[in-house]
Amino acid sequence: MSAETNGRTAKLPPTTPLRDLPPPKRPAPKGGEESAELIAQRDRLLEKFTVMQADLGGAFYEMAIRDHVRLDVLTRKAAELQRVDAELLAVERVLELERADAAGLCPGCGAPYGHAVRFCAQCGTPLVPTEAGA
């Protein structure tokens, strides 16, 4: 049982929207140590996400069976889970870039794109500069 279900709440830092998070460092294409470090970071984040998700579900279950659901506590836990999920997504995108030998990341949504691609498949953002009056 978490501390929140006993009436105590911990102060969590405010969450940062995904677009405001700094992009993760893009490793050198050599792959070696930096790729292993990214994979280890992904694994740690995935484990943290899994534990936090189970904790959120468990907290809700405990509150529900006692008919005392505290939305403020659940919202804080969900916001922290969302922050970890965004961080995990950023690391996975960098790893995908390495594997796919992608040309870069979309400036609009951060999705990787391949060579000779003109528009992002995820959000439709133009990936090549357009000339005005052409």
N, C-alpha and C. Protein backbone atom coordinates (compact mmCIF):
# COMPACT_ATOMS: atom_id res chain seq x y z
N MET A 1 0.85 -1.17 0.00
CA MET A 1 0.00 0.00 0.00
C MET A 1 0.90 1.24 0.00
N SER A 2 0.56 2.20 -0.82
CA SER A 2 1.40 3.39 -0.91
C SER A 2 1.02 4.40 0.16
N ALA A 3 1.89 5.36 0.37
CA ALA A 3 1.69 6.38 1.40
C ALA A 3 0.45 7.22 1.11
N GLU A 4 0.09 7.34 -0.17
CA GLU A 4 -1.05 8.17 -0.54
C GLU A 4 -2.36 7.58 -0.05
N THR A 5 -2.46 6.26 0.02
CA THR A 5 -3.71 5.64 0.43
C THR A 5 -3.91 5.75 1.93
N ASN A 6 -2.89 6.12 2.67
CA ASN A 6 -3.00 6.30 4.11
C ASN A 6 -3.27 7.75 4.47
N GLY A 7 -3.57 8.58 3.46
CA GLY A 7 -3.88 9.97 3.74
C GLY A 7 -2.70 10.90 3.61
N ARG A 8 -1.50 10.38 3.48
CA ARG A 8 -0.32 11.22 3.30
C ARG A 8 -0.06 11.36 1.81
N THR A 9 0.32 12.55 1.42
CA THR A 9 0.65 12.74 0.01
C THR A 9 2.05 13.33 -0.10
N ALA A 10 2.76 12.87 -1.10
CA ALA A 10 4.12 13.38 -1.34
C ALA A 10 4.04 14.47 -2.39
N LYS A 11 4.88 15.48 -2.25
CA LYS A 11 4.95 16.53 -3.24
C LYS A 11 5.73 16.03 -4.44
N LEU A 12 5.10 16.08 -5.61
CA LEU A 12 5.76 15.70 -6.85
C LEU A 12 6.10 16.96 -7.62
N PRO A 13 7.22 16.95 -8.34
CA PRO A 13 7.57 18.13 -9.13
C PRO A 13 6.56 18.30 -10.26
N PRO A 14 6.35 19.54 -10.72
CA PRO A 14 5.42 19.74 -11.83
C PRO A 14 5.92 19.01 -13.07
N THR A 15 4.99 18.57 -13.89
CA THR A 15 5.37 17.83 -15.10
C THR A 15 5.72 18.80 -16.21
N THR A 16 6.54 18.33 -17.14
CA THR A 16 6.96 19.13 -18.28
C THR A 16 6.34 18.53 -19.54
N PRO A 17 5.67 19.36 -20.36
CA PRO A 17 5.12 18.82 -21.60
C PRO A 17 6.23 18.24 -22.47
N LEU A 18 5.88 17.24 -23.29
CA LEU A 18 6.85 16.55 -24.14
C LEU A 18 7.60 17.53 -25.03
N ARG A 19 6.89 18.52 -25.59
CA ARG A 19 7.55 19.44 -26.50
C ARG A 19 8.58 20.31 -25.79
N ASP A 20 8.49 20.45 -24.47
CA ASP A 20 9.43 21.27 -23.71
C ASP A 20 10.61 20.47 -23.16
N LEU A 21 10.56 19.14 -23.29
CA LEU A 21 11.67 18.32 -22.81
C LEU A 21 12.85 18.48 -23.75
N PRO A 22 14.05 18.55 -23.22
CA PRO A 22 15.21 18.61 -24.11
C PRO A 22 15.35 17.29 -24.84
N PRO A 23 15.74 17.32 -26.11
CA PRO A 23 15.89 16.06 -26.83
C PRO A 23 17.04 15.26 -26.23
N PRO A 24 16.92 13.95 -26.23
CA PRO A 24 18.02 13.14 -25.70
C PRO A 24 19.23 13.27 -26.60
N LYS A 25 20.38 13.05 -26.03
CA LYS A 25 21.61 13.13 -26.82
C LYS A 25 21.58 12.05 -27.89
N ARG A 26 21.88 12.44 -29.11
CA ARG A 26 21.93 11.46 -30.19
C ARG A 26 23.32 10.86 -30.21
N PRO A 27 23.40 9.55 -30.05
CA PRO A 27 24.71 8.91 -30.00
C PRO A 27 25.38 8.90 -31.36
N ALA A 28 26.68 8.75 -31.33
CA ALA A 28 27.45 8.64 -32.56
C ALA A 28 27.04 7.36 -33.28
N PRO A 29 27.09 7.36 -34.61
CA PRO A 29 26.63 6.19 -35.35
C PRO A 29 27.46 4.94 -35.14
N LYS A 30 28.56 5.02 -34.44
CA LYS A 30 29.41 3.85 -34.21
C LYS A 30 28.68 2.76 -33.44
N GLY A 31 27.74 3.15 -32.60
CA GLY A 31 26.93 2.13 -31.92
C GLY A 31 27.46 1.71 -30.58
N GLY A 32 28.65 1.41 -30.41
CA GLY A 32 29.34 0.89 -29.24
C GLY A 32 28.75 1.20 -27.89
N GLU A 33 29.52 1.90 -27.06
CA GLU A 33 29.15 2.17 -25.68
C GLU A 33 27.88 3.00 -25.55
N GLU A 34 27.73 4.01 -26.41
CA GLU A 34 26.59 4.90 -26.28
C GLU A 34 25.28 4.18 -26.54
N SER A 35 25.27 3.26 -27.52
CA SER A 35 24.05 2.48 -27.78
C SER A 35 23.74 1.59 -26.59
N ALA A 36 24.75 0.98 -26.02
CA ALA A 36 24.54 0.14 -24.84
C ALA A 36 24.01 0.98 -23.69
N GLU A 37 24.50 2.20 -23.56
CA GLU A 37 24.02 3.10 -22.51
C GLU A 37 22.56 3.48 -22.74
N LEU A 38 22.19 3.75 -24.00
CA LEU A 38 20.80 4.08 -24.32
C LEU A 38 19.88 2.89 -24.07
N ILE A 39 20.33 1.71 -24.42
CA ILE A 39 19.52 0.51 -24.19
C ILE A 39 19.33 0.29 -22.69
N ALA A 40 20.38 0.50 -21.92
CA ALA A 40 20.27 0.36 -20.47
C ALA A 40 19.32 1.42 -19.90
N GLN A 41 19.39 2.64 -20.42
CA GLN A 41 18.49 3.71 -19.97
C GLN A 41 17.05 3.36 -20.32
N ARG A 42 16.82 2.83 -21.54
CA ARG A 42 15.48 2.42 -21.95
C ARG A 42 14.95 1.33 -21.02
N ASP A 43 15.79 0.36 -20.70
CA ASP A 43 15.37 -0.74 -19.83
C ASP A 43 15.00 -0.24 -18.43
N ARG A 44 15.81 0.70 -17.91
CA ARG A 44 15.50 1.28 -16.59
C ARG A 44 14.18 2.04 -16.62
N LEU A 45 13.98 2.83 -17.67
CA LEU A 45 12.74 3.60 -17.78
C LEU A 45 11.53 2.68 -17.96
N LEU A 46 11.70 1.61 -18.73
CA LEU A 46 10.60 0.67 -18.94
C LEU A 46 10.22 -0.01 -17.63
N GLU A 47 11.22 -0.39 -16.85
CA GLU A 47 10.95 -1.01 -15.56
C GLU A 47 10.25 -0.01 -14.62
N LYS A 48 10.75 1.22 -14.61
CA LYS A 48 10.14 2.26 -13.77
C LYS A 48 8.70 2.51 -14.19
N PHE A 49 8.46 2.58 -15.51
CA PHE A 49 7.11 2.79 -16.03
C PHE A 49 6.18 1.67 -15.59
N THR A 50 6.64 0.43 -15.70
CA THR A 50 5.83 -0.73 -15.35
C THR A 50 5.45 -0.70 -13.87
N VAL A 51 6.41 -0.40 -13.02
CA VAL A 51 6.15 -0.34 -11.58
C VAL A 51 5.18 0.79 -11.26
N MET A 52 5.40 1.95 -11.88
CA MET A 52 4.52 3.10 -11.61
C MET A 52 3.10 2.84 -12.10
N GLN A 53 2.97 2.15 -13.24
CA GLN A 53 1.65 1.83 -13.77
C GLN A 53 0.92 0.88 -12.83
N ALA A 54 1.62 -0.12 -12.33
CA ALA A 54 1.01 -1.06 -11.38
C ALA A 54 0.65 -0.35 -10.08
N ASP A 55 1.50 0.58 -9.64
CA ASP A 55 1.23 1.33 -8.42
C ASP A 55 -0.01 2.21 -8.58
N LEU A 56 -0.15 2.84 -9.74
CA LEU A 56 -1.32 3.68 -10.00
C LEU A 56 -2.59 2.83 -9.99
N GLY A 57 -2.55 1.68 -10.65
CA GLY A 57 -3.71 0.80 -10.65
C GLY A 57 -4.03 0.28 -9.26
N GLY A 58 -2.99 -0.07 -8.52
CA GLY A 58 -3.19 -0.56 -7.15
C GLY A 58 -3.76 0.51 -6.23
N ALA A 59 -3.26 1.74 -6.40
CA ALA A 59 -3.76 2.84 -5.57
C ALA A 59 -5.24 3.08 -5.86
N PHE A 60 -5.60 3.07 -7.14
CA PHE A 60 -7.01 3.27 -7.49
C PHE A 60 -7.87 2.14 -6.93
N TYR A 61 -7.42 0.91 -7.06
CA TYR A 61 -8.17 -0.23 -6.55
C TYR A 61 -8.40 -0.10 -5.04
N GLU A 62 -7.33 0.21 -4.31
CA GLU A 62 -7.44 0.35 -2.85
C GLU A 62 -8.41 1.46 -2.47
N MET A 63 -8.34 2.57 -3.21
CA MET A 63 -9.26 3.68 -2.92
C MET A 63 -10.70 3.29 -3.26
N ALA A 64 -10.88 2.60 -4.37
CA ALA A 64 -12.23 2.24 -4.82
C ALA A 64 -12.90 1.26 -3.85
N ILE A 65 -12.16 0.26 -3.36
CA ILE A 65 -12.80 -0.70 -2.46
C ILE A 65 -13.14 -0.07 -1.11
N ARG A 66 -12.49 1.02 -0.79
CA ARG A 66 -12.79 1.73 0.46
C ARG A 66 -13.76 2.90 0.21
N ASP A 67 -14.19 3.04 -1.04
CA ASP A 67 -15.10 4.11 -1.44
C ASP A 67 -14.57 5.47 -1.02
N HIS A 68 -13.28 5.67 -1.25
CA HIS A 68 -12.63 6.94 -0.91
C HIS A 68 -11.59 7.26 -1.99
N VAL A 69 -12.06 7.57 -3.18
CA VAL A 69 -11.17 7.85 -4.30
C VAL A 69 -10.71 9.30 -4.21
N ARG A 70 -9.40 9.49 -4.22
CA ARG A 70 -8.80 10.83 -4.16
C ARG A 70 -8.22 11.15 -5.53
N LEU A 71 -8.95 11.93 -6.30
CA LEU A 71 -8.52 12.24 -7.66
C LEU A 71 -7.23 13.04 -7.69
N ASP A 72 -6.98 13.87 -6.68
CA ASP A 72 -5.74 14.66 -6.67
C ASP A 72 -4.51 13.74 -6.59
N VAL A 73 -4.60 12.71 -5.79
CA VAL A 73 -3.49 11.75 -5.66
C VAL A 73 -3.32 10.97 -6.96
N LEU A 74 -4.42 10.49 -7.52
CA LEU A 74 -4.36 9.74 -8.77
C LEU A 74 -3.84 10.60 -9.91
N THR A 75 -4.23 11.86 -9.95
CA THR A 75 -3.79 12.77 -11.00
C THR A 75 -2.29 13.01 -10.91
N ARG A 76 -1.77 13.21 -9.71
CA ARG A 76 -0.32 13.39 -9.55
C ARG A 76 0.45 12.15 -9.98
N LYS A 77 -0.05 10.99 -9.59
CA LYS A 77 0.62 9.74 -9.99
C LYS A 77 0.58 9.57 -11.50
N ALA A 78 -0.56 9.89 -12.11
CA ALA A 78 -0.70 9.76 -13.57
C ALA A 78 0.21 10.76 -14.29
N ALA A 79 0.36 11.96 -13.76
CA ALA A 79 1.24 12.96 -14.38
C ALA A 79 2.70 12.52 -14.33
N GLU A 80 3.12 11.93 -13.24
CA GLU A 80 4.49 11.43 -13.13
C GLU A 80 4.68 10.24 -14.08
N LEU A 81 3.68 9.39 -14.18
CA LEU A 81 3.74 8.26 -15.12
C LEU A 81 3.85 8.78 -16.55
N GLN A 82 3.13 9.83 -16.87
CA GLN A 82 3.18 10.42 -18.20
C GLN A 82 4.56 11.00 -18.49
N ARG A 83 5.19 11.61 -17.50
CA ARG A 83 6.53 12.16 -17.68
C ARG A 83 7.54 11.05 -18.00
N VAL A 84 7.46 9.96 -17.26
CA VAL A 84 8.36 8.83 -17.50
C VAL A 84 8.08 8.23 -18.88
N ASP A 85 6.82 8.15 -19.27
CA ASP A 85 6.46 7.62 -20.58
C ASP A 85 7.02 8.50 -21.70
N ALA A 86 6.97 9.81 -21.54
CA ALA A 86 7.52 10.72 -22.54
C ALA A 86 9.04 10.56 -22.65
N GLU A 87 9.69 10.40 -21.51
CA GLU A 87 11.14 10.20 -21.51
C GLU A 87 11.50 8.87 -22.19
N LEU A 88 10.72 7.84 -21.91
CA LEU A 88 10.93 6.54 -22.54
C LEU A 88 10.72 6.64 -24.05
N LEU A 89 9.71 7.35 -24.49
CA LEU A 89 9.46 7.53 -25.92
C LEU A 89 10.62 8.24 -26.60
N ALA A 90 11.17 9.25 -25.96
CA ALA A 90 12.30 9.98 -26.54
C ALA A 90 13.52 9.06 -26.72
N VAL A 91 13.80 8.24 -25.72
CA VAL A 91 14.94 7.32 -25.81
C VAL A 91 14.68 6.27 -26.90
N GLU A 92 13.45 5.77 -26.97
CA GLU A 92 13.12 4.77 -28.00
C GLU A 92 13.24 5.36 -29.40
N ARG A 93 12.89 6.62 -29.56
CA ARG A 93 13.03 7.26 -30.88
C ARG A 93 14.49 7.39 -31.29
N VAL A 94 15.36 7.72 -30.36
CA VAL A 94 16.79 7.80 -30.69
C VAL A 94 17.31 6.42 -31.07
N LEU A 95 16.90 5.39 -30.34
CA LEU A 95 17.32 4.03 -30.69
C LEU A 95 16.78 3.62 -32.06
N GLU A 96 15.56 4.01 -32.36
CA GLU A 96 14.98 3.70 -33.67
C GLU A 96 15.74 4.42 -34.77
N LEU A 97 16.17 5.65 -34.51
CA LEU A 97 16.97 6.39 -35.48
C LEU A 97 18.26 5.64 -35.79
N GLU A 98 18.90 5.11 -34.76
CA GLU A 98 20.14 4.36 -34.95
C GLU A 98 19.90 3.11 -35.79
N ARG A 99 18.84 2.37 -35.46
CA ARG A 99 18.57 1.12 -36.16
C ARG A 99 18.17 1.35 -37.61
N ALA A 100 17.37 2.38 -37.86
CA ALA A 100 16.82 2.61 -39.19
C ALA A 100 17.73 3.45 -40.07
N ASP A 101 18.80 3.95 -39.52
CA ASP A 101 19.67 4.86 -40.26
C ASP A 101 18.85 6.00 -40.84
N ALA A 102 18.00 6.58 -40.01
CA ALA A 102 17.10 7.65 -40.43
C ALA A 102 17.88 8.94 -40.69
N ALA A 103 17.26 9.80 -41.47
CA ALA A 103 17.89 11.07 -41.82
C ALA A 103 17.81 12.08 -40.69
N GLY A 104 16.80 11.96 -39.84
CA GLY A 104 16.66 12.91 -38.74
C GLY A 104 15.34 12.75 -38.02
N LEU A 105 15.04 13.75 -37.18
CA LEU A 105 13.79 13.78 -36.42
C LEU A 105 12.94 14.93 -36.92
N CYS A 106 11.64 14.72 -36.99
CA CYS A 106 10.70 15.76 -37.41
C CYS A 106 10.74 16.90 -36.40
N PRO A 107 10.84 18.14 -36.86
CA PRO A 107 10.84 19.27 -35.92
C PRO A 107 9.48 19.48 -35.27
N GLY A 108 8.41 18.95 -35.88
CA GLY A 108 7.07 19.12 -35.32
C GLY A 108 6.74 18.15 -34.21
N CYS A 109 7.02 16.86 -34.44
CA CYS A 109 6.60 15.85 -33.46
C CYS A 109 7.74 14.98 -32.94
N GLY A 110 8.92 15.06 -33.57
CA GLY A 110 10.05 14.28 -33.10
C GLY A 110 10.14 12.88 -33.66
N ALA A 111 9.25 12.52 -34.59
CA ALA A 111 9.29 11.18 -35.18
C ALA A 111 10.46 11.08 -36.15
N PRO A 112 11.12 9.93 -36.22
CA PRO A 112 12.22 9.76 -37.17
C PRO A 112 11.68 9.69 -38.60
N TYR A 113 12.47 10.18 -39.55
CA TYR A 113 12.10 10.08 -40.96
C TYR A 113 13.30 9.65 -41.77
N GLY A 114 13.02 9.04 -42.92
CA GLY A 114 14.07 8.50 -43.78
C GLY A 114 14.58 9.52 -44.78
N HIS A 115 15.55 9.10 -45.58
CA HIS A 115 16.14 9.95 -46.59
C HIS A 115 15.11 10.16 -47.72
N ALA A 116 15.15 11.33 -48.35
CA ALA A 116 14.29 11.70 -49.48
C ALA A 116 12.81 11.77 -49.10
N VAL A 117 12.49 11.90 -47.83
CA VAL A 117 11.11 12.06 -47.39
C VAL A 117 10.82 13.54 -47.28
N ARG A 118 9.71 13.98 -47.85
CA ARG A 118 9.39 15.41 -47.88
C ARG A 118 8.46 15.84 -46.75
N PHE A 119 7.62 14.92 -46.26
CA PHE A 119 6.68 15.24 -45.20
C PHE A 119 6.73 14.17 -44.12
N CYS A 120 6.52 14.58 -42.88
CA CYS A 120 6.51 13.64 -41.76
C CYS A 120 5.28 12.74 -41.88
N ALA A 121 5.48 11.43 -41.77
CA ALA A 121 4.38 10.48 -41.85
C ALA A 121 3.51 10.53 -40.59
N GLN A 122 4.05 11.03 -39.49
CA GLN A 122 3.34 11.07 -38.23
C GLN A 122 2.41 12.28 -38.13
N CYS A 123 2.92 13.48 -38.50
CA CYS A 123 2.13 14.70 -38.30
C CYS A 123 1.94 15.54 -39.56
N GLY A 124 2.64 15.22 -40.64
CA GLY A 124 2.47 15.95 -41.89
C GLY A 124 3.32 17.19 -42.03
N THR A 125 4.19 17.47 -41.11
CA THR A 125 5.05 18.66 -41.17
C THR A 125 6.00 18.54 -42.37
N PRO A 126 6.13 19.62 -43.17
CA PRO A 126 7.10 19.58 -44.27
C PRO A 126 8.52 19.44 -43.71
N LEU A 127 9.29 18.55 -44.32
CA LEU A 127 10.65 18.28 -43.82
C LEU A 127 11.71 18.95 -44.67
N VAL A 128 11.31 19.53 -45.80
CA VAL A 128 12.25 20.26 -46.65
C VAL A 128 11.80 21.71 -46.69
N PRO A 129 12.73 22.65 -46.68
CA PRO A 129 12.33 24.05 -46.71
C PRO A 129 11.62 24.37 -48.02
N THR A 130 10.53 25.13 -47.92
CA THR A 130 9.79 25.54 -49.11
C THR A 130 10.19 26.96 -49.45
N GLU A 131 10.31 27.24 -50.74
CA GLU A 131 10.68 28.58 -51.17
C GLU A 131 9.43 29.39 -51.44
N ALA A 132 9.34 30.58 -50.89
CA ALA A 132 8.19 31.46 -51.10
C ALA A 132 8.28 32.04 -52.50
N GLY A 133 7.18 32.03 -53.21
CA GLY A 133 7.14 32.62 -54.54
C GLY A 133 7.73 31.74 -55.61
N ALA A 134 7.90 30.48 -55.37
CA ALA A 134 8.48 29.58 -56.37
C ALA A 134 7.42 29.07 -57.30
